[in-house]
Amino acid sequence: MNGLYALKPWYADRLAGVRTALARREVSPDTLTAAGVLCAAAAAAVLAYVPAPLAALPVAVLLAARLGFANLDGALARDTGRTTRRGAVLNELGDRAADLAVLAGFLALAPLWLVAVAALAATLPSWVSLAGAAAGAPRLNGGPVGKTERCLLVVVAAATGWAVPVLAVIAAGSALTALVRLARIWRELA
């Protein structure tokens, strides 16, 4: 069950020209990771301070850029032969920081406890996947509520103002995603 993650190859193809231009200019993949985190933080600021539905378009653009940078950093490293173990760690930390930064935008819109629960739940699928990969299973990505779906849900909140229901869906859906990934990993490692 890959959800919107199944669109990643299509999206990567759309970004091929950008990757080529970045490689030609010798842009560091780490710079792209940092840019993704900054886009996530900017989306959070817009979510927190711009009322719905005016926040929807800038949040959507910033989160699309965040996902684009998340796609580009690793692809650029592979294309240019600059993959490193440090870069892999930075990529994972950048993704988690971006996830948490986006959800921090909800602090102005919803109870702290719900934002904290959603933030913890949103990181669970990645931790499960990383633990599975460390044990020798393939790295799992995707839904039902993976990174791409969470970004889409944040756009829904920006468009509608439904912060509490969206956070509840992010929390429950992320926990479900972690359980689905864990079950797949468990079978893989049997």
Protein backbone atom coordinates (compact mmCIF):
# COMPACT_ATOMS: atom_id res chain seq x y z
CA MET A 1 0.00 0.00 0.00
CA ASN A 2 2.08 2.91 -1.29
CA GLY A 3 -0.56 5.66 -1.45
CA LEU A 4 0.65 8.83 -3.13
CA TYR A 5 4.24 7.56 -2.82
CA ALA A 6 3.49 5.51 -5.94
CA LEU A 7 3.72 8.80 -7.87
CA LYS A 8 7.38 9.30 -6.87
CA PRO A 9 8.87 7.92 -10.13
CA TRP A 10 6.57 10.18 -12.17
CA TYR A 11 7.51 13.16 -9.98
CA ALA A 12 11.23 12.32 -10.23
CA ASP A 13 10.91 12.29 -14.04
CA ARG A 14 9.38 15.79 -13.93
CA LEU A 15 12.37 16.97 -11.88
CA ALA A 16 15.04 15.46 -14.16
CA GLY A 17 15.81 18.80 -15.83
CA VAL A 18 16.13 20.50 -12.45
CA ARG A 19 18.51 17.75 -11.28
CA THR A 20 20.62 18.24 -14.40
CA ALA A 21 20.80 22.00 -13.85
CA LEU A 22 21.70 21.54 -10.16
CA ALA A 23 24.41 19.02 -11.05
CA ARG A 24 25.84 21.39 -13.65
CA ARG A 25 26.02 24.14 -11.02
CA GLU A 26 27.57 21.69 -8.51
CA VAL A 27 24.87 22.31 -5.89
CA SER A 28 25.37 20.18 -2.80
CA PRO A 29 22.65 17.61 -2.02
CA ASP A 30 22.92 18.75 1.61
CA THR A 31 21.89 22.25 0.51
CA LEU A 32 18.71 20.77 -0.97
CA THR A 33 17.99 18.91 2.27
CA ALA A 34 18.30 22.21 4.18
CA ALA A 35 16.09 23.98 1.62
CA GLY A 36 13.39 21.36 2.19
CA VAL A 37 13.46 21.98 5.94
CA LEU A 38 13.25 25.75 5.35
CA CYS A 39 10.24 25.29 3.05
CA ALA A 40 8.54 23.19 5.72
CA ALA A 41 9.20 25.87 8.36
CA ALA A 42 7.86 28.56 6.04
CA ALA A 43 4.73 26.48 5.39
CA ALA A 44 4.27 26.18 9.16
CA ALA A 45 4.54 29.95 9.58
CA VAL A 46 1.95 30.55 6.87
CA LEU A 47 -0.35 27.93 8.40
CA ALA A 48 -0.03 29.56 11.82
CA TYR A 49 -0.40 33.21 10.81
CA VAL A 50 -2.45 33.36 7.59
CA PRO A 51 -6.15 32.54 7.93
CA ALA A 52 -7.87 29.80 5.94
CA PRO A 53 -8.49 29.70 3.01
CA LEU A 54 -5.84 32.34 2.15
CA ALA A 55 -3.13 30.06 3.55
CA ALA A 56 -3.96 27.20 1.19
CA LEU A 57 -2.03 28.27 -1.91
CA PRO A 58 1.21 29.36 -0.21
CA VAL A 59 1.17 26.26 2.03
CA ALA A 60 0.58 24.03 -1.00
CA VAL A 61 3.43 25.67 -2.94
CA LEU A 62 5.84 25.49 0.01
CA LEU A 63 5.00 21.86 0.75
CA ALA A 64 5.32 20.93 -2.93
CA ALA A 65 8.78 22.53 -2.81
CA ARG A 66 9.54 20.63 0.42
CA LEU A 67 8.64 17.35 -1.30
CA GLY A 68 10.59 18.38 -4.39
CA PHE A 69 13.72 19.04 -2.36
CA ALA A 70 13.22 15.73 -0.52
CA ASN A 71 13.14 14.01 -3.91
CA LEU A 72 16.03 15.98 -5.39
CA ASP A 73 18.61 15.68 -2.61
CA GLY A 74 19.12 11.92 -2.81
CA ALA A 75 18.66 11.78 -6.58
CA LEU A 76 21.25 14.52 -7.08
CA ALA A 77 23.68 12.71 -4.77
CA ARG A 78 23.24 9.49 -6.77
CA ASP A 79 23.44 11.26 -10.16
CA THR A 80 26.69 13.02 -9.24
CA GLY A 81 28.35 10.19 -7.33
CA ARG A 82 28.19 12.16 -4.06
CA THR A 83 26.33 9.65 -1.91
CA THR A 84 27.82 9.39 1.55
CA ARG A 85 26.79 7.80 4.82
CA ARG A 86 26.77 11.27 6.40
CA GLY A 87 24.51 12.50 3.62
CA ALA A 88 22.12 9.62 4.27
CA VAL A 89 21.96 10.53 7.95
CA LEU A 90 21.47 14.22 7.13
CA ASN A 91 18.71 13.30 4.69
CA GLU A 92 16.82 11.32 7.35
CA LEU A 93 17.29 14.02 9.98
CA GLY A 94 16.17 16.66 7.48
CA ASP A 95 13.02 14.72 6.66
CA ARG A 96 12.13 14.32 10.33
CA ALA A 97 12.90 18.00 11.03
CA ALA A 98 10.70 19.04 8.09
CA ASP A 99 7.86 16.80 9.29
CA LEU A 100 8.03 18.31 12.77
CA ALA A 101 8.44 21.87 11.50
CA VAL A 102 5.26 21.63 9.43
CA LEU A 103 3.29 20.28 12.36
CA ALA A 104 4.62 23.07 14.60
CA GLY A 105 2.47 25.41 12.52
CA PHE A 106 -0.56 23.83 14.19
CA LEU A 107 0.55 25.06 17.62
CA ALA A 108 -1.32 28.31 16.96
CA LEU A 109 -4.43 26.44 15.84
CA ALA A 110 -4.93 23.38 18.06
CA PRO A 111 -4.27 22.08 21.58
CA LEU A 112 -0.62 21.36 22.36
CA TRP A 113 -1.35 17.75 23.35
CA LEU A 114 -2.94 17.02 19.95
CA VAL A 115 -0.08 18.63 18.03
CA ALA A 116 2.39 16.59 20.12
CA VAL A 117 0.50 13.33 19.52
CA ALA A 118 0.30 14.03 15.77
CA ALA A 119 4.01 14.93 15.66
CA LEU A 120 5.02 11.75 17.47
CA ALA A 121 2.74 9.64 15.28
CA ALA A 122 4.01 11.31 12.09
CA THR A 123 7.56 10.20 12.87
CA LEU A 124 6.63 6.59 13.68
CA PRO A 125 6.42 5.26 10.10
CA SER A 126 9.95 6.44 9.36
CA TRP A 127 11.37 5.03 12.59
CA VAL A 128 9.75 1.67 11.83
CA SER A 129 11.15 1.71 8.30
CA LEU A 130 14.62 2.67 9.50
CA ALA A 131 14.58 -0.05 12.17
CA GLY A 132 13.51 -2.60 9.58
CA ALA A 133 16.24 -1.49 7.18
CA ALA A 134 18.82 -1.72 9.98
CA ALA A 135 17.69 -5.33 10.53
CA GLY A 136 18.08 -6.15 6.84
CA ALA A 137 14.56 -5.61 5.49
CA PRO A 138 13.96 -3.40 2.45
CA ARG A 139 13.30 0.27 3.29
CA LEU A 140 9.55 0.85 3.17
CA ASN A 141 7.90 4.12 2.19
CA GLY A 142 4.43 5.29 1.34
CA GLY A 143 0.98 5.28 2.88
CA PRO A 144 -1.72 4.95 3.82
CA VAL A 145 -0.63 8.22 5.49
CA GLY A 146 3.00 8.76 4.58
CA LYS A 147 4.91 12.01 4.06
CA THR A 148 3.06 12.98 0.88
CA GLU A 149 -0.38 12.34 2.36
CA ARG A 150 0.54 14.31 5.48
CA CYS A 151 1.52 17.27 3.31
CA LEU A 152 -1.81 17.03 1.48
CA LEU A 153 -3.66 16.94 4.80
CA VAL A 154 -1.85 20.08 5.96
CA VAL A 155 -3.01 21.82 2.77
CA VAL A 156 -6.57 20.71 3.61
CA ALA A 157 -6.19 22.33 7.04
CA ALA A 158 -4.81 25.51 5.44
CA ALA A 159 -7.78 25.63 3.06
CA THR A 160 -10.51 24.83 5.56
CA GLY A 161 -9.26 25.79 9.00
CA TRP A 162 -10.01 22.25 10.22
CA ALA A 163 -6.85 21.97 12.30
CA VAL A 164 -8.16 19.58 14.95
CA PRO A 165 -9.76 17.05 12.57
CA VAL A 166 -6.71 17.10 10.28
CA LEU A 167 -4.35 16.52 13.21
CA ALA A 168 -6.53 13.62 14.36
CA VAL A 169 -6.35 12.08 10.88
CA ILE A 170 -2.58 12.63 10.73
CA ALA A 171 -2.14 10.98 14.14
CA ALA A 172 -4.39 7.99 13.47
CA GLY A 173 -3.28 7.56 9.87
CA SER A 174 0.41 7.79 10.74
CA ALA A 175 0.00 5.22 13.51
CA LEU A 176 -1.81 2.94 11.06
CA THR A 177 0.97 3.46 8.51
CA ALA A 178 3.56 2.50 11.13
CA LEU A 179 1.61 -0.66 11.95
CA VAL A 180 1.24 -1.59 8.27
CA ARG A 181 4.97 -1.12 7.72
CA LEU A 182 5.80 -3.08 10.87
CA ALA A 183 3.63 -5.99 9.73
CA ARG A 184 5.34 -6.02 6.31
CA ILE A 185 8.79 -5.86 7.91
CA TRP A 186 7.88 -8.60 10.38
CA ARG A 187 6.86 -10.90 7.52
CA GLU A 188 9.99 -9.96 5.55
CA LEU A 189 12.28 -10.83 8.46
CA ALA A 190 10.55 -14.11 9.34
